[in-house]
């Protein structure tokens, strides 16, 4: 099944309209296979459909985030987005070299459980960007 077909199914299941603009935006995000800004998505989409405006991109990203398909991360000066689908993960970001590594969601499952048990708090642990030093940079600073 193509990613576009899968995206259509997810949107319809959630009661969302499937519009050409929405599909171009989500397709651009999926095919980026990395974190991108809304401006980068807009630029990519405008190559195929020059009449889409920034508000359409932001609304589509917000709706996809609410559906749990997109993560929103504050990993630098601009908010960045990534297609996650059902693949929940987090990131380790090195302050030394800027390397971004994926961190499986299982590392934070215990935190969510502890918060619920200890505080009765249901945490929305969608996406964490954890900053620090990678092994290589840490070795250079010791």
N, C-alpha and C. Protein backbone atom coordinates (compact mmCIF):
# COMPACT_ATOMS: atom_id res chain seq x y z
N UNK A 1 0.86 -1.18 0.00
CA UNK A 1 0.00 0.00 0.00
C UNK A 1 0.90 1.24 0.00
N UNK A 2 0.60 2.16 -0.89
CA UNK A 2 1.41 3.39 -0.96
C UNK A 2 1.15 4.25 0.27
N UNK A 3 2.09 5.12 0.57
CA UNK A 3 1.91 5.99 1.74
C UNK A 3 0.73 6.94 1.52
N UNK A 4 0.48 7.35 0.28
CA UNK A 4 -0.66 8.22 0.02
C UNK A 4 -1.98 7.50 0.28
N UNK A 5 -2.07 6.23 -0.13
CA UNK A 5 -3.27 5.44 0.12
C UNK A 5 -3.49 5.27 1.61
N UNK A 6 -2.40 5.01 2.34
CA UNK A 6 -2.50 4.88 3.80
C UNK A 6 -2.95 6.18 4.44
N UNK A 7 -2.41 7.30 3.97
CA UNK A 7 -2.78 8.61 4.49
C UNK A 7 -4.26 8.88 4.26
N UNK A 8 -4.76 8.57 3.08
CA UNK A 8 -6.19 8.75 2.77
C UNK A 8 -7.04 7.94 3.73
N UNK A 9 -6.67 6.70 3.98
CA UNK A 9 -7.44 5.84 4.89
C UNK A 9 -7.47 6.42 6.30
N UNK A 10 -6.32 6.89 6.77
CA UNK A 10 -6.24 7.46 8.12
C UNK A 10 -7.11 8.70 8.22
N UNK A 11 -7.03 9.57 7.23
CA UNK A 11 -7.83 10.81 7.25
C UNK A 11 -9.32 10.50 7.22
N UNK A 12 -9.73 9.59 6.37
CA UNK A 12 -11.16 9.26 6.27
C UNK A 12 -11.66 8.61 7.56
N UNK A 13 -10.84 7.73 8.13
CA UNK A 13 -11.22 7.08 9.40
C UNK A 13 -11.44 8.12 10.49
N UNK A 14 -10.68 9.20 10.43
CA UNK A 14 -10.79 10.26 11.44
C UNK A 14 -11.85 11.29 11.08
N UNK A 15 -12.55 11.09 9.96
CA UNK A 15 -13.60 12.02 9.56
C UNK A 15 -13.06 13.30 8.92
N UNK A 16 -11.83 13.28 8.46
CA UNK A 16 -11.21 14.44 7.85
C UNK A 16 -11.46 14.43 6.34
N UNK A 17 -11.56 15.62 5.75
CA UNK A 17 -11.68 15.72 4.30
C UNK A 17 -10.33 15.40 3.67
N UNK A 18 -10.39 14.75 2.51
CA UNK A 18 -9.18 14.47 1.75
C UNK A 18 -9.16 15.44 0.58
N UNK A 19 -8.36 16.49 0.71
CA UNK A 19 -8.26 17.51 -0.33
C UNK A 19 -6.90 17.39 -1.00
N UNK A 20 -6.77 17.88 -2.23
CA UNK A 20 -5.46 17.83 -2.89
C UNK A 20 -4.38 18.57 -2.09
N UNK A 21 -4.74 19.72 -1.52
CA UNK A 21 -3.76 20.48 -0.75
C UNK A 21 -3.32 19.70 0.48
N UNK A 22 -4.26 19.12 1.18
CA UNK A 22 -3.93 18.35 2.39
C UNK A 22 -3.02 17.17 2.03
N UNK A 23 -3.33 16.51 0.94
CA UNK A 23 -2.52 15.37 0.53
C UNK A 23 -1.11 15.80 0.12
N UNK A 24 -0.99 16.93 -0.58
CA UNK A 24 0.34 17.42 -0.95
C UNK A 24 1.17 17.77 0.28
N UNK A 25 0.54 18.39 1.25
CA UNK A 25 1.24 18.80 2.48
C UNK A 25 1.70 17.57 3.26
N UNK A 26 0.81 16.63 3.47
CA UNK A 26 1.17 15.43 4.24
C UNK A 26 2.16 14.56 3.48
N UNK A 27 2.02 14.51 2.17
CA UNK A 27 2.96 13.74 1.36
C UNK A 27 4.36 14.36 1.43
N UNK A 28 4.43 15.68 1.36
CA UNK A 28 5.73 16.36 1.46
C UNK A 28 6.38 16.05 2.81
N UNK A 29 5.59 16.04 3.86
CA UNK A 29 6.11 15.75 5.18
C UNK A 29 6.58 14.30 5.28
N UNK A 30 5.75 13.37 4.79
CA UNK A 30 6.12 11.95 4.84
C UNK A 30 7.40 11.67 4.06
N UNK A 31 7.51 12.25 2.89
CA UNK A 31 8.65 11.96 2.03
C UNK A 31 9.92 12.69 2.46
N UNK A 32 9.80 13.66 3.34
CA UNK A 32 10.98 14.36 3.84
C UNK A 32 11.85 13.42 4.67
N UNK A 33 11.23 12.51 5.38
CA UNK A 33 11.92 11.53 6.23
C UNK A 33 12.89 12.18 7.22
N UNK A 34 12.54 13.37 7.65
CA UNK A 34 13.34 14.10 8.64
C UNK A 34 12.45 15.19 9.21
N UNK A 35 12.96 15.91 10.18
CA UNK A 35 12.22 17.04 10.71
C UNK A 35 12.30 18.19 9.72
N UNK A 36 11.17 18.83 9.48
CA UNK A 36 11.13 19.98 8.57
C UNK A 36 10.27 21.07 9.20
N UNK A 37 10.51 22.29 8.78
CA UNK A 37 9.70 23.41 9.25
C UNK A 37 8.49 23.56 8.35
N UNK A 38 7.50 24.29 8.82
CA UNK A 38 6.32 24.56 8.01
C UNK A 38 6.72 25.32 6.74
N UNK A 39 7.70 26.20 6.85
CA UNK A 39 8.17 26.95 5.67
C UNK A 39 8.77 26.02 4.63
N UNK A 40 9.50 25.01 5.07
CA UNK A 40 10.07 24.04 4.12
C UNK A 40 8.98 23.23 3.44
N UNK A 41 7.95 22.86 4.21
CA UNK A 41 6.83 22.13 3.62
C UNK A 41 6.12 23.00 2.60
N UNK A 42 5.87 24.25 2.97
CA UNK A 42 5.21 25.18 2.06
C UNK A 42 6.00 25.33 0.76
N UNK A 43 7.30 25.48 0.87
CA UNK A 43 8.15 25.62 -0.31
C UNK A 43 8.04 24.38 -1.21
N UNK A 44 8.08 23.20 -0.60
CA UNK A 44 7.98 21.95 -1.36
C UNK A 44 6.62 21.83 -2.05
N UNK A 45 5.56 22.12 -1.32
CA UNK A 45 4.21 22.00 -1.87
C UNK A 45 4.00 22.99 -3.00
N UNK A 46 4.52 24.20 -2.86
CA UNK A 46 4.34 25.23 -3.89
C UNK A 46 5.03 24.87 -5.21
N UNK A 47 5.95 23.93 -5.18
CA UNK A 47 6.57 23.47 -6.44
C UNK A 47 5.53 22.76 -7.31
N UNK A 48 4.57 22.11 -6.66
CA UNK A 48 3.54 21.39 -7.40
C UNK A 48 2.23 22.17 -7.48
N UNK A 49 1.96 22.96 -6.46
CA UNK A 49 0.69 23.70 -6.37
C UNK A 49 1.00 25.08 -5.81
N UNK A 50 1.31 26.04 -6.70
CA UNK A 50 1.80 27.35 -6.24
C UNK A 50 0.78 28.20 -5.48
N UNK A 51 -0.47 27.80 -5.45
CA UNK A 51 -1.51 28.64 -4.85
C UNK A 51 -1.83 28.30 -3.40
N UNK A 52 -1.17 27.32 -2.84
CA UNK A 52 -1.43 26.97 -1.44
C UNK A 52 -0.82 28.07 -0.57
N UNK A 53 -1.51 28.40 0.53
CA UNK A 53 -0.94 29.44 1.40
C UNK A 53 -0.50 28.84 2.73
N UNK A 54 0.26 29.63 3.46
CA UNK A 54 0.87 29.17 4.71
C UNK A 54 -0.17 28.72 5.73
N UNK A 55 -1.32 29.41 5.78
CA UNK A 55 -2.34 29.04 6.78
C UNK A 55 -2.87 27.63 6.52
N UNK A 56 -2.94 27.23 5.27
CA UNK A 56 -3.39 25.86 4.95
C UNK A 56 -2.38 24.85 5.47
N UNK A 57 -1.11 25.16 5.32
CA UNK A 57 -0.06 24.26 5.82
C UNK A 57 -0.17 24.14 7.34
N UNK A 58 -0.27 25.27 8.04
CA UNK A 58 -0.36 25.23 9.51
C UNK A 58 -1.61 24.51 10.00
N UNK A 59 -2.75 24.75 9.35
CA UNK A 59 -3.99 24.06 9.75
C UNK A 59 -3.88 22.55 9.53
N UNK A 60 -3.30 22.17 8.41
CA UNK A 60 -3.15 20.75 8.10
C UNK A 60 -2.21 20.08 9.10
N UNK A 61 -1.11 20.74 9.42
CA UNK A 61 -0.17 20.18 10.40
C UNK A 61 -0.81 20.06 11.78
N UNK A 62 -1.59 21.06 12.16
CA UNK A 62 -2.27 21.01 13.46
C UNK A 62 -3.27 19.86 13.51
N UNK A 63 -4.03 19.68 12.44
CA UNK A 63 -5.01 18.59 12.39
C UNK A 63 -4.30 17.23 12.43
N UNK A 64 -3.21 17.11 11.69
CA UNK A 64 -2.46 15.85 11.67
C UNK A 64 -1.83 15.57 13.03
N UNK A 65 -1.42 16.62 13.71
CA UNK A 65 -0.86 16.45 15.06
C UNK A 65 -1.93 15.95 16.02
N UNK A 66 -3.13 16.52 15.92
CA UNK A 66 -4.25 16.07 16.77
C UNK A 66 -4.59 14.61 16.51
N UNK A 67 -4.40 14.15 15.28
CA UNK A 67 -4.66 12.75 14.93
C UNK A 67 -3.51 11.84 15.35
N UNK A 68 -2.42 12.42 15.83
CA UNK A 68 -1.28 11.63 16.25
C UNK A 68 -0.40 11.17 15.10
N UNK A 69 -0.53 11.82 13.94
CA UNK A 69 0.25 11.42 12.78
C UNK A 69 1.56 12.20 12.64
N UNK A 70 1.59 13.35 13.29
CA UNK A 70 2.71 14.27 13.15
C UNK A 70 3.19 14.68 14.53
N UNK A 71 4.51 14.75 14.69
CA UNK A 71 5.04 15.29 15.94
C UNK A 71 5.52 16.70 15.68
N UNK A 72 5.44 17.50 16.70
CA UNK A 72 5.90 18.88 16.66
C UNK A 72 7.02 19.00 17.67
N UNK A 73 8.18 19.47 17.23
CA UNK A 73 9.33 19.51 18.12
C UNK A 73 9.97 20.89 18.12
N UNK A 74 10.40 21.29 19.28
CA UNK A 74 11.12 22.55 19.44
C UNK A 74 12.59 22.18 19.62
N UNK A 75 13.27 22.00 18.49
CA UNK A 75 14.65 21.51 18.53
C UNK A 75 15.63 22.57 18.06
N UNK A 76 15.24 23.79 18.07
CA UNK A 76 16.10 24.86 17.62
C UNK A 76 15.28 26.13 17.51
N UNK A 77 15.68 27.02 16.63
CA UNK A 77 14.99 28.32 16.56
C UNK A 77 13.56 28.23 16.01
N UNK A 78 13.27 27.23 15.18
CA UNK A 78 11.92 27.10 14.60
C UNK A 78 11.29 25.78 15.01
N UNK A 79 9.98 25.77 15.09
CA UNK A 79 9.26 24.53 15.35
C UNK A 79 9.44 23.63 14.13
N UNK A 80 9.69 22.36 14.40
CA UNK A 80 9.87 21.41 13.31
C UNK A 80 8.84 20.30 13.43
N UNK A 81 8.50 19.73 12.29
CA UNK A 81 7.48 18.70 12.22
C UNK A 81 8.08 17.44 11.60
N UNK A 82 7.53 16.31 12.03
CA UNK A 82 7.97 15.02 11.49
C UNK A 82 6.76 14.10 11.41
N UNK A 83 6.67 13.36 10.33
CA UNK A 83 5.63 12.35 10.19
C UNK A 83 5.99 11.20 11.12
N UNK A 84 5.07 10.83 11.98
CA UNK A 84 5.33 9.71 12.88
C UNK A 84 4.41 8.54 12.61
N UNK A 85 3.22 8.81 12.08
CA UNK A 85 2.27 7.72 11.92
C UNK A 85 2.07 7.07 13.27
N UNK A 86 2.29 5.79 13.34
CA UNK A 86 2.13 5.11 14.62
C UNK A 86 3.49 4.80 15.25
N UNK A 87 4.54 5.31 14.67
CA UNK A 87 5.90 5.07 15.15
C UNK A 87 6.31 6.16 16.13
N UNK A 88 5.90 6.03 17.37
CA UNK A 88 6.22 7.03 18.39
C UNK A 88 7.70 6.91 18.75
N UNK A 89 8.38 8.04 18.77
CA UNK A 89 9.77 8.05 19.15
C UNK A 89 10.13 9.46 19.63
N UNK A 90 11.29 9.56 20.18
CA UNK A 90 11.79 10.81 20.73
C UNK A 90 13.18 11.04 20.15
N UNK A 91 13.84 12.13 20.56
CA UNK A 91 15.15 12.43 19.99
C UNK A 91 16.15 12.84 21.05
N UNK A 92 17.39 12.42 20.83
CA UNK A 92 18.53 12.87 21.62
C UNK A 92 19.30 13.81 20.71
N UNK A 93 19.53 15.03 21.17
CA UNK A 93 20.18 16.05 20.34
C UNK A 93 21.46 16.50 21.03
N UNK A 94 22.56 16.33 20.32
CA UNK A 94 23.86 16.69 20.88
C UNK A 94 24.08 18.19 20.74
N UNK A 95 24.35 18.84 21.85
CA UNK A 95 24.64 20.28 21.84
C UNK A 95 26.03 20.57 21.25
N UNK A 96 26.88 19.56 21.19
CA UNK A 96 28.22 19.75 20.64
C UNK A 96 28.24 19.73 19.13
N UNK A 97 27.79 18.62 18.54
CA UNK A 97 27.90 18.45 17.08
C UNK A 97 26.56 18.57 16.36
N UNK A 98 25.46 18.62 17.12
CA UNK A 98 24.14 18.76 16.49
C UNK A 98 23.52 17.46 16.02
N UNK A 99 24.20 16.35 16.26
CA UNK A 99 23.67 15.05 15.83
C UNK A 99 22.32 14.78 16.49
N UNK A 100 21.37 14.26 15.71
CA UNK A 100 20.05 13.91 16.22
C UNK A 100 19.91 12.41 16.12
N UNK A 101 19.63 11.75 17.24
CA UNK A 101 19.44 10.31 17.29
C UNK A 101 18.03 10.00 17.75
N UNK A 102 17.46 8.94 17.20
CA UNK A 102 16.12 8.51 17.60
C UNK A 102 16.20 7.74 18.91
N UNK A 103 15.19 7.96 19.74
CA UNK A 103 15.07 7.26 21.02
C UNK A 103 13.71 6.60 21.04
N UNK A 104 13.68 5.30 21.20
CA UNK A 104 12.43 4.56 21.20
C UNK A 104 11.50 5.04 22.31
N UNK A 105 10.22 5.02 22.03
CA UNK A 105 9.20 5.45 22.99
C UNK A 105 9.25 4.66 24.29
N UNK A 106 9.74 3.43 24.23
CA UNK A 106 9.75 2.58 25.42
C UNK A 106 10.56 3.19 26.57
N UNK A 107 11.54 4.05 26.25
CA UNK A 107 12.32 4.69 27.31
C UNK A 107 11.47 5.59 28.18
N UNK A 108 10.39 6.14 27.64
CA UNK A 108 9.56 7.07 28.42
C UNK A 108 8.25 6.45 28.90
N UNK A 109 7.99 5.20 28.52
CA UNK A 109 6.79 4.52 29.00
C UNK A 109 6.77 4.46 30.52
N UNK A 110 7.92 4.18 31.11
CA UNK A 110 8.02 4.10 32.57
C UNK A 110 7.71 5.43 33.23
N UNK A 111 8.12 6.53 32.61
CA UNK A 111 7.84 7.85 33.14
C UNK A 111 6.33 8.11 33.15
N UNK A 112 5.67 7.78 32.05
CA UNK A 112 4.22 7.98 31.98
C UNK A 112 3.51 7.15 33.05
N UNK A 113 3.95 5.91 33.23
CA UNK A 113 3.35 5.03 34.23
C UNK A 113 3.58 5.58 35.64
N UNK A 114 4.80 6.02 35.92
CA UNK A 114 5.12 6.56 37.25
C UNK A 114 4.32 7.82 37.54
N UNK A 115 4.16 8.69 36.56
CA UNK A 115 3.37 9.91 36.76
C UNK A 115 1.92 9.58 37.07
N UNK A 116 1.39 8.58 36.39
CA UNK A 116 0.01 8.18 36.64
C UNK A 116 -0.13 7.57 38.03
N UNK A 117 0.77 6.65 38.38
CA UNK A 117 0.69 5.98 39.67
C UNK A 117 0.97 6.93 40.84
N UNK A 118 1.97 7.77 40.72
CA UNK A 118 2.39 8.63 41.83
C UNK A 118 1.56 9.89 41.97
N UNK A 119 1.06 10.42 40.84
CA UNK A 119 0.40 11.72 40.87
C UNK A 119 -1.01 11.70 40.29
N UNK A 120 -1.43 10.55 39.76
CA UNK A 120 -2.73 10.50 39.10
C UNK A 120 -2.78 11.36 37.84
N UNK A 121 -1.61 11.63 37.27
CA UNK A 121 -1.47 12.54 36.14
C UNK A 121 -1.27 11.74 34.86
N UNK A 122 -2.15 11.95 33.89
CA UNK A 122 -2.02 11.29 32.59
C UNK A 122 -1.22 12.23 31.68
N UNK A 123 0.02 11.84 31.42
CA UNK A 123 0.93 12.69 30.64
C UNK A 123 0.77 12.43 29.15
N UNK A 124 0.80 13.51 28.38
CA UNK A 124 0.83 13.40 26.92
C UNK A 124 2.30 13.42 26.51
N UNK A 125 2.86 12.25 26.44
CA UNK A 125 4.27 12.16 26.08
C UNK A 125 4.34 11.80 24.60
N UNK A 126 4.10 12.82 23.77
CA UNK A 126 4.12 12.62 22.33
C UNK A 126 5.52 12.63 21.79
N UNK A 127 6.26 13.64 22.16
CA UNK A 127 7.58 13.80 21.57
C UNK A 127 8.47 14.60 22.52
N UNK A 128 9.61 14.05 22.80
CA UNK A 128 10.60 14.74 23.61
C UNK A 128 11.86 14.94 22.80
N UNK A 129 12.44 16.10 22.92
CA UNK A 129 13.77 16.38 22.39
C UNK A 129 14.65 16.57 23.61
N UNK A 130 15.57 15.65 23.82
CA UNK A 130 16.43 15.67 24.99
C UNK A 130 17.83 16.11 24.55
N UNK A 131 18.28 17.22 25.12
CA UNK A 131 19.57 17.79 24.73
C UNK A 131 20.66 17.35 25.69
N UNK A 132 21.85 17.19 25.16
CA UNK A 132 23.00 16.80 25.96
C UNK A 132 24.21 16.66 25.06
N UNK A 133 25.15 15.80 25.46
CA UNK A 133 26.34 15.55 24.65
C UNK A 133 26.39 14.08 24.24
N UNK A 134 26.65 13.84 22.97
CA UNK A 134 26.78 12.46 22.50
C UNK A 134 28.09 11.87 23.03
N UNK A 135 28.27 10.59 22.85
CA UNK A 135 29.45 9.89 23.35
C UNK A 135 30.73 10.52 22.81
N UNK A 136 30.75 10.81 21.51
CA UNK A 136 31.96 11.38 20.89
C UNK A 136 32.28 12.76 21.45
N UNK A 137 31.29 13.64 21.52
CA UNK A 137 31.52 14.99 22.03
C UNK A 137 31.86 14.97 23.51
N UNK A 138 31.23 14.09 24.26
CA UNK A 138 31.52 13.98 25.68
C UNK A 138 33.00 13.60 25.89
N UNK A 139 33.51 12.72 25.02
CA UNK A 139 34.91 12.31 25.09
C UNK A 139 35.85 13.47 24.80
N UNK A 140 35.44 14.39 23.94
CA UNK A 140 36.27 15.53 23.59
C UNK A 140 36.28 16.58 24.71
N UNK A 141 35.24 16.59 25.54
CA UNK A 141 35.13 17.59 26.61
C UNK A 141 35.69 17.10 27.95
N UNK A 142 36.13 15.86 28.01
CA UNK A 142 36.64 15.31 29.29
C UNK A 142 38.10 15.54 29.45
